[in-house]
N, C-alpha and C. Protein backbone atom coordinates (compact mmCIF):
# COMPACT_ATOMS: atom_id res chain seq x y z
N UNK A 1 0.85 -1.18 0.00
CA UNK A 1 0.00 0.00 0.00
C UNK A 1 0.90 1.24 0.00
N UNK A 2 0.62 2.14 -0.89
CA UNK A 2 1.42 3.36 -0.94
C UNK A 2 0.96 4.32 0.15
N UNK A 3 1.78 5.31 0.38
CA UNK A 3 1.46 6.32 1.39
C UNK A 3 0.15 7.03 1.06
N UNK A 4 0.00 7.42 -0.21
CA UNK A 4 -1.20 8.15 -0.60
C UNK A 4 -2.44 7.26 -0.52
N UNK A 5 -2.31 6.00 -0.91
CA UNK A 5 -3.45 5.09 -0.81
C UNK A 5 -3.88 4.94 0.64
N UNK A 6 -2.93 4.85 1.54
CA UNK A 6 -3.26 4.76 2.96
C UNK A 6 -3.99 5.98 3.46
N UNK A 7 -3.55 7.15 3.01
CA UNK A 7 -4.21 8.40 3.41
C UNK A 7 -5.59 8.50 2.77
N UNK A 8 -5.74 8.05 1.53
CA UNK A 8 -7.05 8.05 0.86
C UNK A 8 -8.05 7.20 1.63
N UNK A 9 -7.59 6.09 2.15
CA UNK A 9 -8.49 5.18 2.87
C UNK A 9 -9.05 5.81 4.15
N UNK A 10 -8.42 6.87 4.63
CA UNK A 10 -8.89 7.54 5.84
C UNK A 10 -9.94 8.62 5.56
N UNK A 11 -10.13 8.94 4.28
CA UNK A 11 -11.13 9.95 3.92
C UNK A 11 -12.54 9.40 4.07
N UNK A 12 -13.51 10.26 4.25
CA UNK A 12 -14.91 9.80 4.20
C UNK A 12 -15.18 9.15 2.84
N UNK A 13 -15.99 8.13 2.83
CA UNK A 13 -16.22 7.34 1.62
C UNK A 13 -16.67 8.18 0.43
N UNK A 14 -17.56 9.12 0.65
CA UNK A 14 -18.06 9.94 -0.46
C UNK A 14 -16.95 10.81 -1.05
N UNK A 15 -16.11 11.35 -0.22
CA UNK A 15 -14.99 12.17 -0.70
C UNK A 15 -13.97 11.30 -1.43
N UNK A 16 -13.68 10.16 -0.87
CA UNK A 16 -12.74 9.23 -1.49
C UNK A 16 -13.23 8.82 -2.87
N UNK A 17 -14.50 8.56 -2.99
CA UNK A 17 -15.08 8.15 -4.27
C UNK A 17 -14.89 9.24 -5.33
N UNK A 18 -15.10 10.49 -4.95
CA UNK A 18 -14.93 11.61 -5.88
C UNK A 18 -13.47 11.74 -6.30
N UNK A 19 -12.56 11.63 -5.36
CA UNK A 19 -11.14 11.73 -5.67
C UNK A 19 -10.73 10.63 -6.64
N UNK A 20 -11.16 9.41 -6.38
CA UNK A 20 -10.80 8.29 -7.25
C UNK A 20 -11.40 8.45 -8.64
N UNK A 21 -12.66 8.85 -8.71
CA UNK A 21 -13.28 9.05 -10.02
C UNK A 21 -12.57 10.14 -10.82
N UNK A 22 -12.21 11.20 -10.15
CA UNK A 22 -11.58 12.33 -10.85
C UNK A 22 -10.13 12.04 -11.25
N UNK A 23 -9.32 11.61 -10.30
CA UNK A 23 -7.89 11.48 -10.57
C UNK A 23 -7.47 10.15 -11.16
N UNK A 24 -8.13 9.08 -10.81
CA UNK A 24 -7.73 7.78 -11.36
C UNK A 24 -8.45 7.46 -12.67
N UNK A 25 -9.72 7.89 -12.76
CA UNK A 25 -10.47 7.58 -13.97
C UNK A 25 -10.62 8.76 -14.91
N UNK A 26 -10.18 9.93 -14.47
CA UNK A 26 -10.20 11.11 -15.32
C UNK A 26 -11.59 11.66 -15.62
N UNK A 27 -12.54 11.40 -14.74
CA UNK A 27 -13.91 11.85 -14.95
C UNK A 27 -14.05 13.29 -14.44
N UNK A 28 -14.73 14.13 -15.22
CA UNK A 28 -14.88 15.53 -14.83
C UNK A 28 -16.04 15.72 -13.84
N UNK A 29 -16.12 16.91 -13.28
CA UNK A 29 -17.14 17.21 -12.25
C UNK A 29 -18.57 16.95 -12.71
N UNK A 30 -18.97 17.42 -13.91
CA UNK A 30 -20.36 17.17 -14.32
C UNK A 30 -20.71 15.67 -14.39
N UNK A 31 -19.77 14.88 -14.89
CA UNK A 31 -20.05 13.44 -15.00
C UNK A 31 -20.08 12.78 -13.62
N UNK A 32 -19.20 13.18 -12.74
CA UNK A 32 -19.22 12.65 -11.36
C UNK A 32 -20.55 13.01 -10.70
N UNK A 33 -20.99 14.24 -10.89
CA UNK A 33 -22.26 14.69 -10.30
C UNK A 33 -23.41 13.83 -10.80
N UNK A 34 -23.44 13.58 -12.11
CA UNK A 34 -24.51 12.73 -12.66
C UNK A 34 -24.42 11.30 -12.13
N UNK A 35 -23.22 10.77 -12.07
CA UNK A 35 -23.02 9.39 -11.60
C UNK A 35 -23.46 9.21 -10.15
N UNK A 36 -23.12 10.19 -9.31
CA UNK A 36 -23.41 10.08 -7.87
C UNK A 36 -24.73 10.74 -7.47
N UNK A 37 -25.40 11.35 -8.44
CA UNK A 37 -26.68 12.02 -8.18
C UNK A 37 -26.56 13.12 -7.13
N UNK A 38 -25.52 13.95 -7.33
CA UNK A 38 -25.30 15.10 -6.47
C UNK A 38 -24.99 16.29 -7.38
N UNK A 39 -24.98 17.48 -6.82
CA UNK A 39 -24.71 18.67 -7.63
C UNK A 39 -23.21 18.79 -7.93
N UNK A 40 -22.90 19.53 -8.99
CA UNK A 40 -21.50 19.78 -9.33
C UNK A 40 -20.81 20.56 -8.21
N UNK A 41 -21.54 21.45 -7.57
CA UNK A 41 -20.99 22.22 -6.46
C UNK A 41 -20.59 21.29 -5.31
N UNK A 42 -21.42 20.28 -5.04
CA UNK A 42 -21.09 19.31 -4.00
C UNK A 42 -19.83 18.53 -4.37
N UNK A 43 -19.72 18.15 -5.63
CA UNK A 43 -18.52 17.45 -6.10
C UNK A 43 -17.30 18.33 -5.85
N UNK A 44 -17.38 19.59 -6.27
CA UNK A 44 -16.24 20.50 -6.11
C UNK A 44 -15.89 20.71 -4.64
N UNK A 45 -16.91 20.91 -3.80
CA UNK A 45 -16.66 21.13 -2.37
C UNK A 45 -16.03 19.91 -1.71
N UNK A 46 -16.56 18.73 -2.00
CA UNK A 46 -16.01 17.51 -1.39
C UNK A 46 -14.59 17.25 -1.87
N UNK A 47 -14.34 17.51 -3.15
CA UNK A 47 -13.00 17.31 -3.69
C UNK A 47 -12.01 18.28 -3.03
N UNK A 48 -12.40 19.53 -2.90
CA UNK A 48 -11.54 20.53 -2.27
C UNK A 48 -11.22 20.15 -0.83
N UNK A 49 -12.24 19.77 -0.07
CA UNK A 49 -12.01 19.38 1.33
C UNK A 49 -11.13 18.13 1.42
N UNK A 50 -11.37 17.17 0.54
CA UNK A 50 -10.59 15.94 0.55
C UNK A 50 -9.12 16.23 0.23
N UNK A 51 -8.87 17.09 -0.75
CA UNK A 51 -7.50 17.43 -1.09
C UNK A 51 -6.80 18.18 0.04
N UNK A 52 -7.53 19.04 0.73
CA UNK A 52 -6.96 19.73 1.89
C UNK A 52 -6.58 18.74 2.98
N UNK A 53 -7.48 17.77 3.23
CA UNK A 53 -7.18 16.75 4.26
C UNK A 53 -5.98 15.91 3.86
N UNK A 54 -5.92 15.51 2.59
CA UNK A 54 -4.78 14.73 2.12
C UNK A 54 -3.49 15.51 2.26
N UNK A 55 -3.52 16.76 1.88
CA UNK A 55 -2.34 17.61 1.98
C UNK A 55 -1.86 17.71 3.42
N UNK A 56 -2.78 17.93 4.34
CA UNK A 56 -2.40 18.04 5.76
C UNK A 56 -1.84 16.73 6.29
N UNK A 57 -2.47 15.62 5.93
CA UNK A 57 -1.98 14.32 6.39
C UNK A 57 -0.60 14.01 5.84
N UNK A 58 -0.37 14.32 4.57
CA UNK A 58 0.94 14.09 3.97
C UNK A 58 1.99 15.01 4.59
N UNK A 59 1.60 16.24 4.88
CA UNK A 59 2.52 17.18 5.53
C UNK A 59 2.90 16.68 6.92
N UNK A 60 1.93 16.19 7.68
CA UNK A 60 2.22 15.64 9.01
C UNK A 60 3.20 14.47 8.91
N UNK A 61 2.98 13.61 7.93
CA UNK A 61 3.85 12.45 7.74
C UNK A 61 5.27 12.90 7.39
N UNK A 62 5.39 13.89 6.52
CA UNK A 62 6.70 14.40 6.13
C UNK A 62 7.42 15.03 7.32
N UNK A 63 6.70 15.78 8.13
CA UNK A 63 7.30 16.41 9.30
C UNK A 63 7.79 15.35 10.29
N UNK A 64 6.98 14.35 10.53
CA UNK A 64 7.41 13.27 11.44
C UNK A 64 8.63 12.54 10.90
N UNK A 65 8.66 12.32 9.60
CA UNK A 65 9.81 11.66 8.98
C UNK A 65 11.08 12.50 9.19
N UNK A 66 10.97 13.80 8.96
CA UNK A 66 12.13 14.68 9.11
C UNK A 66 12.60 14.75 10.57
N UNK A 67 11.67 14.76 11.49
CA UNK A 67 12.03 14.77 12.91
C UNK A 67 12.78 13.50 13.27
N UNK A 68 12.27 12.37 12.82
CA UNK A 68 12.95 11.09 13.10
C UNK A 68 14.32 11.05 12.45
N UNK A 69 14.41 11.53 11.23
CA UNK A 69 15.68 11.55 10.51
C UNK A 69 16.68 12.43 11.24
N UNK A 70 16.24 13.58 11.72
CA UNK A 70 17.10 14.51 12.44
C UNK A 70 17.68 13.84 13.70
N UNK A 71 16.88 13.10 14.42
CA UNK A 71 17.35 12.49 15.66
C UNK A 71 18.20 11.26 15.42
N UNK A 72 18.10 10.67 14.24
CA UNK A 72 18.96 9.53 13.91
C UNK A 72 20.35 10.00 13.56
N UNK A 73 20.42 11.12 12.87
CA UNK A 73 21.73 11.65 12.45
C UNK A 73 22.36 12.30 13.65
């Protein structure tokens, strides 16, 4: 399991589904909205929040890695 996949698994299911549809399958917002029976605005909002959460989680992981590396050296 990659680092990003592990972080994706921690997202709420609806947000994770939007991220996977958009980035792995290349589906645009209007098509995701039709597929999931939600508005395009909801797709955009959930995607934005999910990306913010992923960014923060990856940043936390990077900071912890650097702290550990610093104390090893």
